[in-house]
Amino acid sequence: MKSLVLFLITLTFAYRASGAVVDFQPLPGGDRMAAPGSTAGWGYTLTNNSPDEWLVPMSLSADSFLNGHPTTLFDFPILSPGASVSVEFDPALLVGLYMVTVAPDAPVGFVEQGLFTLGAEWWSDDPAGVGAPLGETIEITAPWSIEIAGVPEPAYTAPLCIVVSGLFWIRRKRLLSIGRNSNDRN
């Protein structure tokens, strides 16, 4: 009986440590494209699927960005059992999970990738009330990537070609009409 209890405790810990009780995802997914000098970012969804324990985020990190300057925006929400929170990235309000300003000299086509790592603790009840840490910490990871995209050229080439062609057509028509008028006089 004692070995069965130990087995169940080990199984429960492994289940929690694998991140199955917590869902953590960047919004609207981990992949981004950004031009050199621009800012890109991620929102997040965090769900506590535990039926009886509170989730208290303690840390957030990301693998290093070689061609950008990252900023953490995460607000470390405390989630009651069964609770979920979603926060969209908004660069104007500085809310979301993370944002990165791509270096102006970043090589076009380069893809950076890594993991966001969220560290959290389980609590018996509301940490602001009578809750106490249960001594169990977890790390949940979510992948991210950012592709350095080229700066699009302004779309003025086609209209410029049309205008120049039109001017040549008008000039040609005038020259032809001047030539006809001079032939009619002779």
C-alpha atoms as a PDB file:
ATOM      1  CA  MET A   1       0.000   0.000   0.000  1.00  0.00           C
ATOM      2  CA  LYS A   2       2.845   2.360   0.887  1.00  0.00           C
ATOM      3  CA  SER A   3       4.501   1.803  -2.504  1.00  0.00           C
ATOM      4  CA  LEU A   4       1.193   2.534  -4.256  1.00  0.00           C
ATOM      5  CA  VAL A   5       0.900   5.867  -2.427  1.00  0.00           C
ATOM      6  CA  LEU A   6       4.507   6.776  -3.331  1.00  0.00           C
ATOM      7  CA  PHE A   7       3.834   5.796  -6.938  1.00  0.00           C
ATOM      8  CA  LEU A   8       0.738   8.022  -7.079  1.00  0.00           C
ATOM      9  CA  ILE A   9       2.596  10.973  -5.507  1.00  0.00           C
ATOM     10  CA  THR A  10       5.434  10.581  -8.024  1.00  0.00           C
ATOM     11  CA  LEU A  11       2.958  10.301 -10.890  1.00  0.00           C
ATOM     12  CA  THR A  12       1.114  13.444  -9.731  1.00  0.00           C
ATOM     13  CA  PHE A  13       4.358  15.429  -9.476  1.00  0.00           C
ATOM     14  CA  ALA A  14       5.484  14.272 -12.933  1.00  0.00           C
ATOM     15  CA  TYR A  15       2.085  15.237 -14.351  1.00  0.00           C
ATOM     16  CA  ARG A  16       2.354  18.737 -12.894  1.00  0.00           C
ATOM     17  CA  ALA A  17       6.013  19.173 -13.797  1.00  0.00           C
ATOM     18  CA  SER A  18       5.284  18.331 -17.425  1.00  0.00           C
ATOM     19  CA  GLY A  19       3.052  21.423 -17.659  1.00  0.00           C
ATOM     20  CA  ALA A  20      -0.154  19.452 -18.234  1.00  0.00           C
ATOM     21  CA  VAL A  21      -1.985  21.288 -15.431  1.00  0.00           C
ATOM     22  CA  VAL A  22      -0.987  24.702 -16.775  1.00  0.00           C
ATOM     23  CA  ASP A  23      -1.549  25.913 -20.320  1.00  0.00           C
ATOM     24  CA  PHE A  24       0.814  28.705 -21.358  1.00  0.00           C
ATOM     25  CA  GLN A  25       0.862  29.969 -24.950  1.00  0.00           C
ATOM     26  CA  PRO A  26       2.021  33.101 -26.739  1.00  0.00           C
ATOM     27  CA  LEU A  27      -0.709  34.938 -28.653  1.00  0.00           C
ATOM     28  CA  PRO A  28      -1.526  34.699 -31.485  1.00  0.00           C
ATOM     29  CA  GLY A  29       1.171  32.014 -31.734  1.00  0.00           C
ATOM     30  CA  GLY A  30       4.919  32.027 -31.327  1.00  0.00           C
ATOM     31  CA  ASP A  31       5.977  33.092 -34.854  1.00  0.00           C
ATOM     32  CA  ARG A  32       6.486  36.731 -35.846  1.00  0.00           C
ATOM     33  CA  MET A  33       7.904  38.710 -38.774  1.00  0.00           C
ATOM     34  CA  ALA A  34       9.434  42.144 -38.293  1.00  0.00           C
ATOM     35  CA  ALA A  35      11.442  44.570 -40.373  1.00  0.00           C
ATOM     36  CA  PRO A  36      14.737  46.002 -39.118  1.00  0.00           C
ATOM     37  CA  GLY A  37      14.046  48.879 -36.726  1.00  0.00           C
ATOM     38  CA  SER A  38      10.447  47.825 -36.040  1.00  0.00           C
ATOM     39  CA  THR A  39       8.826  46.383 -32.912  1.00  0.00           C
ATOM     40  CA  ALA A  40       7.081  43.019 -32.663  1.00  0.00           C
ATOM     41  CA  GLY A  41       5.571  41.293 -29.672  1.00  0.00           C
ATOM     42  CA  TRP A  42       3.490  38.549 -28.162  1.00  0.00           C
ATOM     43  CA  GLY A  43       0.453  38.416 -25.944  1.00  0.00           C
ATOM     44  CA  TYR A  44      -0.310  35.330 -23.882  1.00  0.00           C
ATOM     45  CA  THR A  45      -2.888  32.889 -22.611  1.00  0.00           C
ATOM     46  CA  LEU A  46      -2.342  31.326 -19.195  1.00  0.00           C
ATOM     47  CA  THR A  47      -4.735  28.732 -17.770  1.00  0.00           C
ATOM     48  CA  ASN A  48      -4.672  27.055 -14.366  1.00  0.00           C
ATOM     49  CA  ASN A  49      -6.342  23.672 -14.876  1.00  0.00           C
ATOM     50  CA  SER A  50      -5.822  22.604 -11.273  1.00  0.00           C
ATOM     51  CA  PRO A  51      -9.135  21.956  -9.503  1.00  0.00           C
ATOM     52  CA  ASP A  52      -7.919  23.074  -6.066  1.00  0.00           C
ATOM     53  CA  GLU A  53      -4.582  24.927  -6.159  1.00  0.00           C
ATOM     54  CA  TRP A  54      -3.715  28.545  -6.987  1.00  0.00           C
ATOM     55  CA  LEU A  55      -1.070  29.293  -9.620  1.00  0.00           C
ATOM     56  CA  VAL A  56       1.377  32.093  -8.748  1.00  0.00           C
ATOM     57  CA  PRO A  57       3.808  33.070 -11.556  1.00  0.00           C
ATOM     58  CA  MET A  58       7.212  34.004 -10.139  1.00  0.00           C
ATOM     59  CA  SER A  59       9.503  34.538 -13.138  1.00  0.00           C
ATOM     60  CA  LEU A  60       9.547  34.890 -16.902  1.00  0.00           C
ATOM     61  CA  SER A  61      12.557  34.639 -19.169  1.00  0.00           C
ATOM     62  CA  ALA A  62      13.271  34.231 -22.865  1.00  0.00           C
ATOM     63  CA  ASP A  63      16.225  32.853 -24.741  1.00  0.00           C
ATOM     64  CA  SER A  64      18.429  35.686 -25.980  1.00  0.00           C
ATOM     65  CA  PHE A  65      17.585  37.802 -28.999  1.00  0.00           C
ATOM     66  CA  LEU A  66      20.705  38.300 -31.137  1.00  0.00           C
ATOM     67  CA  ASN A  67      19.273  41.048 -33.348  1.00  0.00           C
ATOM     68  CA  GLY A  68      16.947  42.926 -31.040  1.00  0.00           C
ATOM     69  CA  HIS A  69      16.282  44.530 -27.707  1.00  0.00           C
ATOM     70  CA  PRO A  70      13.649  42.604 -25.700  1.00  0.00           C
ATOM     71  CA  THR A  71      11.333  44.015 -23.049  1.00  0.00           C
ATOM     72  CA  THR A  72       9.251  41.950 -20.632  1.00  0.00           C
ATOM     73  CA  LEU A  73       5.623  43.089 -20.467  1.00  0.00           C
ATOM     74  CA  PHE A  74       4.217  40.181 -18.432  1.00  0.00           C
ATOM     75  CA  ASP A  75       2.020  41.257 -15.499  1.00  0.00           C
ATOM     76  CA  PHE A  76       2.348  38.054 -13.381  1.00  0.00           C
ATOM     77  CA  PRO A  77      -1.371  37.329 -12.864  1.00  0.00           C
ATOM     78  CA  ILE A  78      -2.334  35.083  -9.938  1.00  0.00           C
ATOM     79  CA  LEU A  79      -4.816  32.433 -11.078  1.00  0.00           C
ATOM     80  CA  SER A  80      -7.365  30.719  -8.883  1.00  0.00           C
ATOM     81  CA  PRO A  81      -8.244  27.056  -9.587  1.00  0.00           C
ATOM     82  CA  GLY A  82      -9.753  26.736 -13.075  1.00  0.00           C
ATOM     83  CA  ALA A  83      -9.059  30.379 -13.987  1.00  0.00           C
ATOM     84  CA  SER A  84      -7.656  31.614 -17.280  1.00  0.00           C
ATOM     85  CA  VAL A  85      -6.342  34.943 -18.551  1.00  0.00           C
ATOM     86  CA  SER A  86      -5.583  36.152 -22.076  1.00  0.00           C
ATOM     87  CA  VAL A  87      -3.739  39.387 -22.825  1.00  0.00           C
ATOM     88  CA  GLU A  88      -3.154  40.586 -26.396  1.00  0.00           C
ATOM     89  CA  PHE A  89       0.085  42.395 -27.250  1.00  0.00           C
ATOM     90  CA  ASP A  90      -0.450  46.152 -27.505  1.00  0.00           C
ATOM     91  CA  PRO A  91       2.713  48.220 -28.069  1.00  0.00           C
ATOM     92  CA  ALA A  92       0.909  51.496 -27.336  1.00  0.00           C
ATOM     93  CA  LEU A  93      -0.282  50.329 -23.902  1.00  0.00           C
ATOM     94  CA  LEU A  94       2.821  48.181 -23.251  1.00  0.00           C
ATOM     95  CA  VAL A  95       0.788  45.092 -22.377  1.00  0.00           C
ATOM     96  CA  GLY A  96       1.333  41.493 -23.383  1.00  0.00           C
ATOM     97  CA  LEU A  97       4.046  38.940 -22.734  1.00  0.00           C
ATOM     98  CA  TYR A  98       7.198  40.223 -24.445  1.00  0.00           C
ATOM     99  CA  MET A  99       8.166  42.715 -27.118  1.00  0.00           C
ATOM    100  CA  VAL A 100      11.349  43.075 -29.112  1.00  0.00           C
ATOM    101  CA  THR A 101      12.661  46.037 -31.078  1.00  0.00           C
ATOM    102  CA  VAL A 102      14.586  44.633 -34.008  1.00  0.00           C
ATOM    103  CA  ALA A 103      18.018  46.176 -34.545  1.00  0.00           C
ATOM    104  CA  PRO A 104      18.170  48.509 -37.583  1.00  0.00           C
ATOM    105  CA  ASP A 105      21.112  46.519 -38.984  1.00  0.00           C
ATOM    106  CA  ALA A 106      19.501  43.077 -38.491  1.00  0.00           C
ATOM    107  CA  PRO A 107      20.140  40.810 -41.496  1.00  0.00           C
ATOM    108  CA  VAL A 108      17.025  40.284 -43.632  1.00  0.00           C
ATOM    109  CA  GLY A 109      15.949  36.637 -43.702  1.00  0.00           C
ATOM    110  CA  PHE A 110      17.536  35.803 -40.353  1.00  0.00           C
ATOM    111  CA  VAL A 111      15.289  33.759 -38.067  1.00  0.00           C
ATOM    112  CA  GLU A 112      15.707  33.974 -34.315  1.00  0.00           C
ATOM    113  CA  GLN A 113      14.031  31.362 -32.173  1.00  0.00           C
ATOM    114  CA  GLY A 114      13.922  30.189 -28.599  1.00  0.00           C
ATOM    115  CA  LEU A 115      11.696  29.544 -25.623  1.00  0.00           C
ATOM    116  CA  PHE A 116       9.757  31.641 -23.174  1.00  0.00           C
ATOM    117  CA  THR A 117      10.109  30.041 -19.723  1.00  0.00           C
ATOM    118  CA  LEU A 118       7.526  30.784 -17.051  1.00  0.00           C
ATOM    119  CA  GLY A 119       8.378  29.824 -13.466  1.00  0.00           C
ATOM    120  CA  ALA A 120       5.467  29.453 -11.046  1.00  0.00           C
ATOM    121  CA  GLU A 121       4.493  28.098  -7.630  1.00  0.00           C
ATOM    122  CA  TRP A 122       1.438  26.254  -6.406  1.00  0.00           C
ATOM    123  CA  TRP A 123      -0.411  27.743  -3.430  1.00  0.00           C
ATOM    124  CA  SER A 124      -3.051  26.227  -1.172  1.00  0.00           C
ATOM    125  CA  ASP A 125      -5.321  29.290  -1.397  1.00  0.00           C
ATOM    126  CA  ASP A 126      -5.289  32.965  -2.380  1.00  0.00           C
ATOM    127  CA  PRO A 127      -1.774  34.349  -1.701  1.00  0.00           C
ATOM    128  CA  ALA A 128      -3.319  37.668  -0.653  1.00  0.00           C
ATOM    129  CA  GLY A 129      -5.387  35.849   1.966  1.00  0.00           C
ATOM    130  CA  VAL A 130      -4.763  32.662   3.931  1.00  0.00           C
ATOM    131  CA  GLY A 131      -2.886  30.805   1.191  1.00  0.00           C
ATOM    132  CA  ALA A 132       0.489  29.207   1.704  1.00  0.00           C
ATOM    133  CA  PRO A 133       3.041  27.967  -0.822  1.00  0.00           C
ATOM    134  CA  LEU A 134       2.945  24.209  -1.300  1.00  0.00           C
ATOM    135  CA  GLY A 135       6.679  24.064  -1.952  1.00  0.00           C
ATOM    136  CA  GLU A 136       6.257  22.905  -5.532  1.00  0.00           C
ATOM    137  CA  THR A 137       7.682  25.032  -8.332  1.00  0.00           C
ATOM    138  CA  ILE A 138       7.130  24.422 -12.009  1.00  0.00           C
ATOM    139  CA  GLU A 139       8.597  25.698 -15.256  1.00  0.00           C
ATOM    140  CA  ILE A 140       6.451  25.920 -18.359  1.00  0.00           C
ATOM    141  CA  THR A 141       7.962  26.684 -21.758  1.00  0.00           C
ATOM    142  CA  ALA A 142       6.491  28.011 -24.983  1.00  0.00           C
ATOM    143  CA  PRO A 143       8.383  28.406 -28.279  1.00  0.00           C
ATOM    144  CA  TRP A 144       8.870  31.710 -30.085  1.00  0.00           C
ATOM    145  CA  SER A 145      10.495  32.797 -33.338  1.00  0.00           C
ATOM    146  CA  ILE A 146      10.933  36.046 -35.199  1.00  0.00           C
ATOM    147  CA  GLU A 147      11.962  36.342 -38.839  1.00  0.00           C
ATOM    148  CA  ILE A 148      13.676  39.519 -39.976  1.00  0.00           C
ATOM    149  CA  ALA A 149      11.707  40.614 -43.035  1.00  0.00           C
ATOM    150  CA  GLY A 150      12.791  43.065 -45.702  1.00  0.00           C
ATOM    151  CA  VAL A 151      11.413  46.576 -45.673  1.00  0.00           C
ATOM    152  CA  PRO A 152       8.772  46.708 -48.423  1.00  0.00           C
ATOM    153  CA  GLU A 153       9.427  49.193 -51.206  1.00  0.00           C
ATOM    154  CA  PRO A 154       6.830  51.904 -51.648  1.00  0.00           C
ATOM    155  CA  ALA A 155       4.211  50.990 -54.241  1.00  0.00           C
ATOM    156  CA  TYR A 156       4.818  53.964 -56.501  1.00  0.00           C
ATOM    157  CA  THR A 157       6.547  52.199 -59.419  1.00  0.00           C
ATOM    158  CA  ALA A 158       3.390  51.079 -61.270  1.00  0.00           C
ATOM    159  CA  PRO A 159       1.534  54.430 -61.026  1.00  0.00           C
ATOM    160  CA  LEU A 160       4.713  56.260 -62.069  1.00  0.00           C
ATOM    161  CA  CYS A 161       5.050  54.068 -65.183  1.00  0.00           C
ATOM    162  CA  ILE A 162       1.419  54.728 -66.102  1.00  0.00           C
ATOM    163  CA  VAL A 163       1.829  58.504 -65.736  1.00  0.00           C
ATOM    164  CA  VAL A 164       5.066  58.585 -67.762  1.00  0.00           C
ATOM    165  CA  SER A 165       3.483  56.429 -70.514  1.00  0.00           C
ATOM    166  CA  GLY A 166       0.493  58.745 -70.596  1.00  0.00           C
ATOM    167  CA  LEU A 167       2.733  61.799 -70.970  1.00  0.00           C
ATOM    168  CA  PHE A 168       4.632  60.181 -73.865  1.00  0.00           C
ATOM    169  CA  TRP A 169       1.340  59.261 -75.561  1.00  0.00           C
ATOM    170  CA  ILE A 170       0.014  62.844 -75.220  1.00  0.00           C
ATOM    171  CA  ARG A 171       3.286  64.299 -76.555  1.00  0.00           C
ATOM    172  CA  ARG A 172       3.305  61.883 -79.496  1.00  0.00           C
ATOM    173  CA  LYS A 173      -0.312  62.735 -80.316  1.00  0.00           C
ATOM    174  CA  ARG A 174       0.496  66.473 -80.297  1.00  0.00           C
ATOM    175  CA  LEU A 175       3.537  65.965 -82.504  1.00  0.00           C
ATOM    176  CA  LEU A 176       1.466  63.947 -84.983  1.00  0.00           C
ATOM    177  CA  SER A 177      -1.294  66.566 -85.057  1.00  0.00           C
ATOM    178  CA  ILE A 178       1.275  69.356 -85.594  1.00  0.00           C
ATOM    179  CA  GLY A 179       2.755  67.351 -88.489  1.00  0.00           C
ATOM    180  CA  ARG A 180      -0.695  66.890 -90.101  1.00  0.00           C
ATOM    181  CA  ASN A 181      -1.563  70.569 -89.739  1.00  0.00           C
ATOM    182  CA  SER A 182       1.679  71.581 -91.471  1.00  0.00           C
ATOM    183  CA  ASN A 183       0.950  69.101 -94.335  1.00  0.00           C
ATOM    184  CA  ASP A 184      -2.562  70.526 -94.808  1.00  0.00           C
ATOM    185  CA  ARG A 185      -1.166  74.039 -95.387  1.00  0.00           C
ATOM    186  CA  ASN A 186       1.122  72.955 -98.200  1.00  0.00           C
END
